[in-house]
Amino acid sequence: MAALRADARRASKDYAPEPFEQVRAAESRLEAEKRDLGRAIANTKRPPCTKKYSGGEKLNLIALIPLAIDTITDTGCKW
């Protein structure tokens, strides 16, 4: 019995997931992120766009480029 356990330990150390298994794991992580609670938690970490790119009294047109990118990708700041 001990020899079987030792073989099982060695086999588990040498195990590398197949590409298909890696894709499935990534899909399950994406599904978890898409859930409402996961989305709400992710949004709390992001700063609001109105404060992140506000230049105060000055008009900063260059700041519109990253603002547009963050808005399109929905990754940088939240609205």
PDB file of N, CA and C in Angstrom:
ATOM      1  N   MET A   1       0.821  -1.191   0.000  1.00  0.00           N
ATOM      2  CA  MET A   1       0.000   0.000   0.000  1.00  0.00           C
ATOM      3  C   MET A   1       0.871   1.264   0.000  1.00  0.00           C
ATOM      4  N   ALA A   2       1.947   1.237   0.767  1.00  0.00           N
ATOM      5  CA  ALA A   2       2.846   2.390   0.836  1.00  0.00           C
ATOM      6  C   ALA A   2       3.499   2.645  -0.518  1.00  0.00           C
ATOM      7  N   ALA A   3       3.830   1.575  -1.219  1.00  0.00           N
ATOM      8  CA  ALA A   3       4.455   1.726  -2.533  1.00  0.00           C
ATOM      9  C   ALA A   3       3.481   2.362  -3.524  1.00  0.00           C
ATOM     10  N   LEU A   4       2.209   1.993  -3.452  1.00  0.00           N
ATOM     11  CA  LEU A   4       1.200   2.607  -4.321  1.00  0.00           C
ATOM     12  C   LEU A   4       1.034   4.088  -4.022  1.00  0.00           C
ATOM     13  N   ARG A   5       1.049   4.428  -2.741  1.00  0.00           N
ATOM     14  CA  ARG A   5       0.946   5.851  -2.369  1.00  0.00           C
ATOM     15  C   ARG A   5       2.148   6.641  -2.880  1.00  0.00           C
ATOM     16  N   ALA A   6       3.328   6.064  -2.765  1.00  0.00           N
ATOM     17  CA  ALA A   6       4.536   6.740  -3.246  1.00  0.00           C
ATOM     18  C   ALA A   6       4.470   6.934  -4.760  1.00  0.00           C
ATOM     19  N   ASP A   7       3.999   5.927  -5.480  1.00  0.00           N
ATOM     20  CA  ASP A   7       3.845   6.049  -6.936  1.00  0.00           C
ATOM     21  C   ASP A   7       2.816   7.120  -7.288  1.00  0.00           C
ATOM     22  N   ALA A   8       1.735   7.157  -6.527  1.00  0.00           N
ATOM     23  CA  ALA A   8       0.701   8.171  -6.784  1.00  0.00           C
ATOM     24  C   ALA A   8       1.246   9.572  -6.533  1.00  0.00           C
ATOM     25  N   ARG A   9       2.047   9.734  -5.482  1.00  0.00           N
ATOM     26  CA  ARG A   9       2.651  11.057  -5.205  1.00  0.00           C
ATOM     27  C   ARG A   9       3.580  11.481  -6.336  1.00  0.00           C
ATOM     28  N   ARG A  10       4.382  10.541  -6.805  1.00  0.00           N
ATOM     29  CA  ARG A  10       5.296  10.866  -7.909  1.00  0.00           C
ATOM     30  C   ARG A  10       4.526  11.224  -9.177  1.00  0.00           C
ATOM     31  N   ALA A  11       3.460  10.499  -9.435  1.00  0.00           N
ATOM     32  CA  ALA A  11       2.660  10.770 -10.632  1.00  0.00           C
ATOM     33  C   ALA A  11       1.969  12.125 -10.526  1.00  0.00           C
ATOM     34  N   SER A  12       1.524  12.501  -9.342  1.00  0.00           N
ATOM     35  CA  SER A  12       0.842  13.790  -9.199  1.00  0.00           C
ATOM     36  C   SER A  12       1.824  14.947  -9.323  1.00  0.00           C
ATOM     37  N   LYS A  13       3.073  14.749  -8.914  1.00  0.00           N
ATOM     38  CA  LYS A  13       4.076  15.807  -9.069  1.00  0.00           C
ATOM     39  C   LYS A  13       4.434  16.021 -10.535  1.00  0.00           C
ATOM     40  N   ASP A  14       4.453  14.949 -11.303  1.00  0.00           N
ATOM     41  CA  ASP A  14       4.816  15.024 -12.717  1.00  0.00           C
ATOM     42  C   ASP A  14       3.649  15.434 -13.600  1.00  0.00           C
ATOM     43  N   TYR A  15       2.457  15.532 -13.029  1.00  0.00           N
ATOM     44  CA  TYR A  15       1.261  15.828 -13.819  1.00  0.00           C
ATOM     45  C   TYR A  15       1.291  17.260 -14.324  1.00  0.00           C
ATOM     46  N   ALA A  16       1.027  17.435 -15.585  1.00  0.00           N
ATOM     47  CA  ALA A  16       0.878  18.754 -16.201  1.00  0.00           C
ATOM     48  C   ALA A  16      -0.463  18.753 -16.927  1.00  0.00           C
ATOM     49  N   PRO A  17      -1.304  19.761 -16.664  1.00  0.00           N
ATOM     50  CA  PRO A  17      -2.620  19.766 -17.313  1.00  0.00           C
ATOM     51  C   PRO A  17      -2.501  19.900 -18.827  1.00  0.00           C
ATOM     52  N   GLU A  18      -3.389  19.222 -19.508  1.00  0.00           N
ATOM     53  CA  GLU A  18      -3.452  19.295 -20.959  1.00  0.00           C
ATOM     54  C   GLU A  18      -3.964  20.675 -21.365  1.00  0.00           C
ATOM     55  N   PRO A  19      -3.688  21.112 -22.587  1.00  0.00           N
ATOM     56  CA  PRO A  19      -4.176  22.420 -23.032  1.00  0.00           C
ATOM     57  C   PRO A  19      -5.697  22.544 -22.935  1.00  0.00           C
ATOM     58  N   PHE A  20      -6.397  21.467 -23.208  1.00  0.00           N
ATOM     59  CA  PHE A  20      -7.852  21.515 -23.119  1.00  0.00           C
ATOM     60  C   PHE A  20      -8.300  21.777 -21.681  1.00  0.00           C
ATOM     61  N   GLU A  21      -7.605  21.159 -20.730  1.00  0.00           N
ATOM     62  CA  GLU A  21      -7.931  21.386 -19.321  1.00  0.00           C
ATOM     63  C   GLU A  21      -7.622  22.812 -18.905  1.00  0.00           C
ATOM     64  N   GLN A  22      -6.552  23.377 -19.448  1.00  0.00           N
ATOM     65  CA  GLN A  22      -6.210  24.763 -19.140  1.00  0.00           C
ATOM     66  C   GLN A  22      -7.277  25.711 -19.674  1.00  0.00           C
ATOM     67  N   VAL A  23      -7.799  25.414 -20.862  1.00  0.00           N
ATOM     68  CA  VAL A  23      -8.859  26.251 -21.438  1.00  0.00           C
ATOM     69  C   VAL A  23     -10.114  26.164 -20.586  1.00  0.00           C
ATOM     70  N   ARG A  24     -10.462  24.973 -20.162  1.00  0.00           N
ATOM     71  CA  ARG A  24     -11.643  24.796 -19.300  1.00  0.00           C
ATOM     72  C   ARG A  24     -11.483  25.558 -17.991  1.00  0.00           C
ATOM     73  N   ALA A  25     -10.307  25.511 -17.406  1.00  0.00           N
ATOM     74  CA  ALA A  25     -10.063  26.232 -16.153  1.00  0.00           C
ATOM     75  C   ALA A  25     -10.178  27.733 -16.374  1.00  0.00           C
ATOM     76  N   ALA A  26      -9.658  28.221 -17.497  1.00  0.00           N
ATOM     77  CA  ALA A  26      -9.761  29.648 -17.797  1.00  0.00           C
ATOM     78  C   ALA A  26     -11.215  30.052 -18.015  1.00  0.00           C
ATOM     79  N   GLU A  27     -11.978  29.199 -18.685  1.00  0.00           N
ATOM     80  CA  GLU A  27     -13.394  29.500 -18.905  1.00  0.00           C
ATOM     81  C   GLU A  27     -14.159  29.546 -17.584  1.00  0.00           C
ATOM     82  N   SER A  28     -13.853  28.640 -16.686  1.00  0.00           N
ATOM     83  CA  SER A  28     -14.554  28.648 -15.405  1.00  0.00           C
ATOM     84  C   SER A  28     -14.192  29.881 -14.595  1.00  0.00           C
ATOM     85  N   ARG A  29     -12.928  30.336 -14.694  1.00  0.00           N
ATOM     86  CA  ARG A  29     -12.559  31.583 -14.005  1.00  0.00           C
ATOM     87  C   ARG A  29     -13.290  32.772 -14.603  1.00  0.00           C
ATOM     88  N   LEU A  30     -13.436  32.786 -15.925  1.00  0.00           N
ATOM     89  CA  LEU A  30     -14.163  33.873 -16.568  1.00  0.00           C
ATOM     90  C   LEU A  30     -15.632  33.884 -16.160  1.00  0.00           C
ATOM     91  N   GLU A  31     -16.226  32.712 -16.060  1.00  0.00           N
ATOM     92  CA  GLU A  31     -17.628  32.628 -15.630  1.00  0.00           C
ATOM     93  C   GLU A  31     -17.787  33.157 -14.215  1.00  0.00           C
ATOM     94  N   ALA A  32     -16.824  32.863 -13.356  1.00  0.00           N
ATOM     95  CA  ALA A  32     -16.889  33.354 -11.979  1.00  0.00           C
ATOM     96  C   ALA A  32     -16.776  34.873 -11.948  1.00  0.00           C
ATOM     97  N   GLU A  33     -15.945  35.425 -12.819  1.00  0.00           N
ATOM     98  CA  GLU A  33     -15.785  36.881 -12.858  1.00  0.00           C
ATOM     99  C   GLU A  33     -17.019  37.567 -13.410  1.00  0.00           C
ATOM    100  N   LYS A  34     -17.758  36.870 -14.271  1.00  0.00           N
ATOM    101  CA  LYS A  34     -18.933  37.473 -14.887  1.00  0.00           C
ATOM    102  C   LYS A  34     -20.111  37.554 -13.938  1.00  0.00           C
ATOM    103  N   ARG A  35     -20.082  36.767 -12.903  1.00  0.00           N
ATOM    104  CA  ARG A  35     -21.196  36.808 -11.963  1.00  0.00           C
ATOM    105  C   ARG A  35     -21.294  38.185 -11.330  1.00  0.00           C
ATOM    106  N   ASP A  36     -22.468  38.516 -10.873  1.00  0.00           N
ATOM    107  CA  ASP A  36     -22.724  39.847 -10.339  1.00  0.00           C
ATOM    108  C   ASP A  36     -21.819  40.195  -9.164  1.00  0.00           C
ATOM    109  N   LEU A  37     -21.655  39.294  -8.236  1.00  0.00           N
ATOM    110  CA  LEU A  37     -20.836  39.582  -7.073  1.00  0.00           C
ATOM    111  C   LEU A  37     -19.381  39.788  -7.466  1.00  0.00           C
ATOM    112  N   GLY A  38     -18.876  38.928  -8.333  1.00  0.00           N
ATOM    113  CA  GLY A  38     -17.503  39.074  -8.798  1.00  0.00           C
ATOM    114  C   GLY A  38     -17.290  40.385  -9.536  1.00  0.00           C
ATOM    115  N   ARG A  39     -18.268  40.779 -10.344  1.00  0.00           N
ATOM    116  CA  ARG A  39     -18.184  42.036 -11.069  1.00  0.00           C
ATOM    117  C   ARG A  39     -18.213  43.211 -10.097  1.00  0.00           C
ATOM    118  N   ALA A  40     -19.053  43.134  -9.091  1.00  0.00           N
ATOM    119  CA  ALA A  40     -19.147  44.222  -8.113  1.00  0.00           C
ATOM    120  C   ALA A  40     -17.849  44.363  -7.328  1.00  0.00           C
ATOM    121  N   ILE A  41     -17.257  43.247  -6.974  1.00  0.00           N
ATOM    122  CA  ILE A  41     -15.988  43.305  -6.248  1.00  0.00           C
ATOM    123  C   ILE A  41     -14.890  43.877  -7.135  1.00  0.00           C
ATOM    124  N   ALA A  42     -14.868  43.488  -8.384  1.00  0.00           N
ATOM    125  CA  ALA A  42     -13.851  44.009  -9.310  1.00  0.00           C
ATOM    126  C   ALA A  42     -14.043  45.504  -9.530  1.00  0.00           C
ATOM    127  N   ASN A  43     -15.298  45.962  -9.591  1.00  0.00           N
ATOM    128  CA  ASN A  43     -15.555  47.385  -9.805  1.00  0.00           C
ATOM    129  C   ASN A  43     -15.152  48.236  -8.610  1.00  0.00           C
ATOM    130  N   THR A  44     -15.207  47.700  -7.414  1.00  0.00           N
ATOM    131  CA  THR A  44     -14.819  48.494  -6.251  1.00  0.00           C
ATOM    132  C   THR A  44     -13.334  48.773  -6.234  1.00  0.00           C
ATOM    133  N   LYS A  45     -12.547  47.950  -6.877  1.00  0.00           N
ATOM    134  CA  LYS A  45     -11.101  48.155  -6.922  1.00  0.00           C
ATOM    135  C   LYS A  45     -10.710  49.243  -7.914  1.00  0.00           C
ATOM    136  N   ARG A  46     -11.570  49.515  -8.879  1.00  0.00           N
ATOM    137  CA  ARG A  46     -11.239  50.473  -9.930  1.00  0.00           C
ATOM    138  C   ARG A  46     -11.655  51.883  -9.526  1.00  0.00           C
ATOM    139  N   PRO A  47     -10.823  52.880  -9.827  1.00  0.00           N
ATOM    140  CA  PRO A  47     -11.192  54.258  -9.504  1.00  0.00           C
ATOM    141  C   PRO A  47     -12.250  54.777 -10.477  1.00  0.00           C
ATOM    142  N   PRO A  48     -13.053  55.761 -10.078  1.00  0.00           N
ATOM    143  CA  PRO A  48     -14.042  56.323 -10.996  1.00  0.00           C
ATOM    144  C   PRO A  48     -13.363  57.135 -12.104  1.00  0.00           C
ATOM    145  N   CYS A  49     -13.890  57.037 -13.310  1.00  0.00           N
ATOM    146  CA  CYS A  49     -13.301  57.745 -14.455  1.00  0.00           C
ATOM    147  C   CYS A  49     -13.395  59.258 -14.289  1.00  0.00           C
ATOM    148  N   THR A  50     -14.429  59.724 -13.618  1.00  0.00           N
ATOM    149  CA  THR A  50     -14.602  61.168 -13.461  1.00  0.00           C
ATOM    150  C   THR A  50     -13.489  61.771 -12.620  1.00  0.00           C
ATOM    151  N   LYS A  51     -12.919  61.017 -11.708  1.00  0.00           N
ATOM    152  CA  LYS A  51     -11.831  61.534 -10.868  1.00  0.00           C
ATOM    153  C   LYS A  51     -10.461  61.180 -11.427  1.00  0.00           C
ATOM    154  N   LYS A  52     -10.357  60.015 -12.048  1.00  0.00           N
ATOM    155  CA  LYS A  52      -9.055  59.559 -12.527  1.00  0.00           C
ATOM    156  C   LYS A  52      -8.506  60.450 -13.632  1.00  0.00           C
ATOM    157  N   TYR A  53      -9.352  60.893 -14.534  1.00  0.00           N
ATOM    158  CA  TYR A  53      -8.887  61.673 -15.680  1.00  0.00           C
ATOM    159  C   TYR A  53      -9.282  63.141 -15.606  1.00  0.00           C
ATOM    160  N   SER A  54      -9.739  63.599 -14.468  1.00  0.00           N
ATOM    161  CA  SER A  54     -10.074  65.021 -14.364  1.00  0.00           C
ATOM    162  C   SER A  54      -8.782  65.809 -14.203  1.00  0.00           C
ATOM    163  N   GLY A  55      -8.677  66.876 -14.938  1.00  0.00           N
ATOM    164  CA  GLY A  55      -7.476  67.688 -14.892  1.00  0.00           C
ATOM    165  C   GLY A  55      -7.658  68.942 -14.064  1.00  0.00           C
ATOM    166  N   GLY A  56      -8.731  69.022 -13.343  1.00  0.00           N
ATOM    167  CA  GLY A  56      -8.987  70.217 -12.555  1.00  0.00           C
ATOM    168  C   GLY A  56      -9.559  71.306 -13.441  1.00  0.00           C
ATOM    169  N   GLU A  57      -8.989  72.478 -13.380  1.00  0.00           N
ATOM    170  CA  GLU A  57      -9.458  73.626 -14.154  1.00  0.00           C
ATOM    171  C   GLU A  57      -8.965  73.585 -15.597  1.00  0.00           C
ATOM    172  N   LYS A  58      -7.836  72.888 -15.838  1.00  0.00           N
ATOM    173  CA  LYS A  58      -7.252  72.851 -17.172  1.00  0.00           C
ATOM    174  C   LYS A  58      -7.931  71.781 -18.013  1.00  0.00           C
ATOM    175  N   LEU A  59      -8.001  72.029 -19.308  1.00  0.00           N
ATOM    176  CA  LEU A  59      -8.538  71.053 -20.239  1.00  0.00           C
ATOM    177  C   LEU A  59      -7.372  70.241 -20.796  1.00  0.00           C
ATOM    178  N   ASN A  60      -7.363  68.962 -20.523  1.00  0.00           N
ATOM    179  CA  ASN A  60      -6.275  68.097 -20.956  1.00  0.00           C
ATOM    180  C   ASN A  60      -6.819  67.131 -22.000  1.00  0.00           C
ATOM    181  N   LEU A  61      -6.598  67.460 -23.255  1.00  0.00           N
ATOM    182  CA  LEU A  61      -7.117  66.631 -24.334  1.00  0.00           C
ATOM    183  C   LEU A  61      -6.365  65.316 -24.476  1.00  0.00           C
ATOM    184  N   ILE A  62      -5.117  65.291 -24.033  1.00  0.00           N
ATOM    185  CA  ILE A  62      -4.342  64.054 -24.131  1.00  0.00           C
ATOM    186  C   ILE A  62      -4.914  62.989 -23.189  1.00  0.00           C
ATOM    187  N   ALA A  63      -5.535  63.406 -22.106  1.00  0.00           N
ATOM    188  CA  ALA A  63      -6.120  62.444 -21.158  1.00  0.00           C
ATOM    189  C   ALA A  63      -7.349  61.746 -21.738  1.00  0.00           C
ATOM    190  N   LEU A  64      -7.870  62.262 -22.844  1.00  0.00           N
ATOM    191  CA  LEU A  64      -9.024  61.620 -23.461  1.00  0.00           C
ATOM    192  C   LEU A  64      -8.673  60.273 -24.102  1.00  0.00           C
ATOM    193  N   ILE A  65      -7.440  60.125 -24.511  1.00  0.00           N
ATOM    194  CA  ILE A  65      -7.028  58.877 -25.162  1.00  0.00           C
ATOM    195  C   ILE A  65      -7.092  57.700 -24.186  1.00  0.00           C
ATOM    196  N   PRO A  66      -6.432  57.764 -23.012  1.00  0.00           N
ATOM    197  CA  PRO A  66      -6.569  56.620 -22.092  1.00  0.00           C
ATOM    198  C   PRO A  66      -7.993  56.480 -21.540  1.00  0.00           C
ATOM    199  N   LEU A  67      -8.720  57.595 -21.437  1.00  0.00           N
ATOM    200  CA  LEU A  67     -10.107  57.526 -20.990  1.00  0.00           C
ATOM    201  C   LEU A  67     -10.946  56.748 -21.993  1.00  0.00           C
ATOM    202  N   ALA A  68     -10.740  56.993 -23.274  1.00  0.00           N
ATOM    203  CA  ALA A  68     -11.478  56.267 -24.304  1.00  0.00           C
ATOM    204  C   ALA A  68     -11.106  54.788 -24.305  1.00  0.00           C
ATOM    205  N   ILE A  69      -9.838  54.499 -24.127  1.00  0.00           N
ATOM    206  CA  ILE A  69      -9.398  53.099 -24.090  1.00  0.00           C
ATOM    207  C   ILE A  69     -10.004  52.382 -22.890  1.00  0.00           C
ATOM    208  N   ASP A  70      -9.983  53.033 -21.722  1.00  0.00           N
ATOM    209  CA  ASP A  70     -10.568  52.418 -20.529  1.00  0.00           C
ATOM    210  C   ASP A  70     -12.067  52.226 -20.673  1.00  0.00           C
ATOM    211  N   THR A  71     -12.721  53.154 -21.344  1.00  0.00           N
ATOM    212  CA  THR A  71     -14.164  53.036 -21.536  1.00  0.00           C
ATOM    213  C   THR A  71     -14.501  51.890 -22.483  1.00  0.00           C
ATOM    214  N   ILE A  72     -13.742  51.758 -23.539  1.00  0.00           N
ATOM    215  CA  ILE A  72     -14.007  50.710 -24.529  1.00  0.00           C
ATOM    216  C   ILE A  72     -13.711  49.333 -23.952  1.00  0.00           C
ATOM    217  N   THR A  73     -12.578  49.181 -23.287  1.00  0.00           N
ATOM    218  CA  THR A  73     -12.178  47.881 -22.772  1.00  0.00           C
ATOM    219  C   THR A  73     -12.842  47.545 -21.439  1.00  0.00           C
ATOM    220  N   ASP A  74     -13.348  48.551 -20.747  1.00  0.00           N
ATOM    221  CA  ASP A  74     -14.012  48.379 -19.444  1.00  0.00           C
ATOM    222  C   ASP A  74     -13.081  47.701 -18.443  1.00  0.00           C
ATOM    223  N   THR A  75     -11.807  48.146 -18.440  1.00  0.00           N
ATOM    224  CA  THR A  75     -10.851  47.564 -17.517  1.00  0.00           C
ATOM    225  C   THR A  75     -10.202  48.595 -16.603  1.00  0.00           C
ATOM    226  N   GLY A  76     -10.021  49.804 -17.048  1.00  0.00           N
ATOM    227  CA  GLY A  76      -9.225  50.761 -16.282  1.00  0.00           C
ATOM    228  C   GLY A  76      -9.980  51.468 -15.183  1.00  0.00           C
ATOM    229  N   CYS A  77     -11.060  52.123 -15.517  1.00  0.00           N
ATOM    230  CA  CYS A  77     -11.832  52.864 -14.530  1.00  0.00           C
ATOM    231  C   CYS A  77     -13.301  52.550 -14.711  1.00  0.00           C
ATOM    232  N   LYS A  78     -14.088  52.957 -13.725  1.00  0.00           N
ATOM    233  CA  LYS A  78     -15.525  52.635 -13.795  1.00  0.00           C
ATOM    234  C   LYS A  78     -16.335  53.905 -13.950  1.00  0.00           C
ATOM    235  N   TRP A  79     -17.482  53.769 -14.566  1.00  0.00           N
ATOM    236  CA  TRP A  79     -18.410  54.894 -14.726  1.00  0.00           C
ATOM    237  C   TRP A  79     -19.504  54.802 -13.728  1.00  0.00           C
TER     238      TRP A  79
END
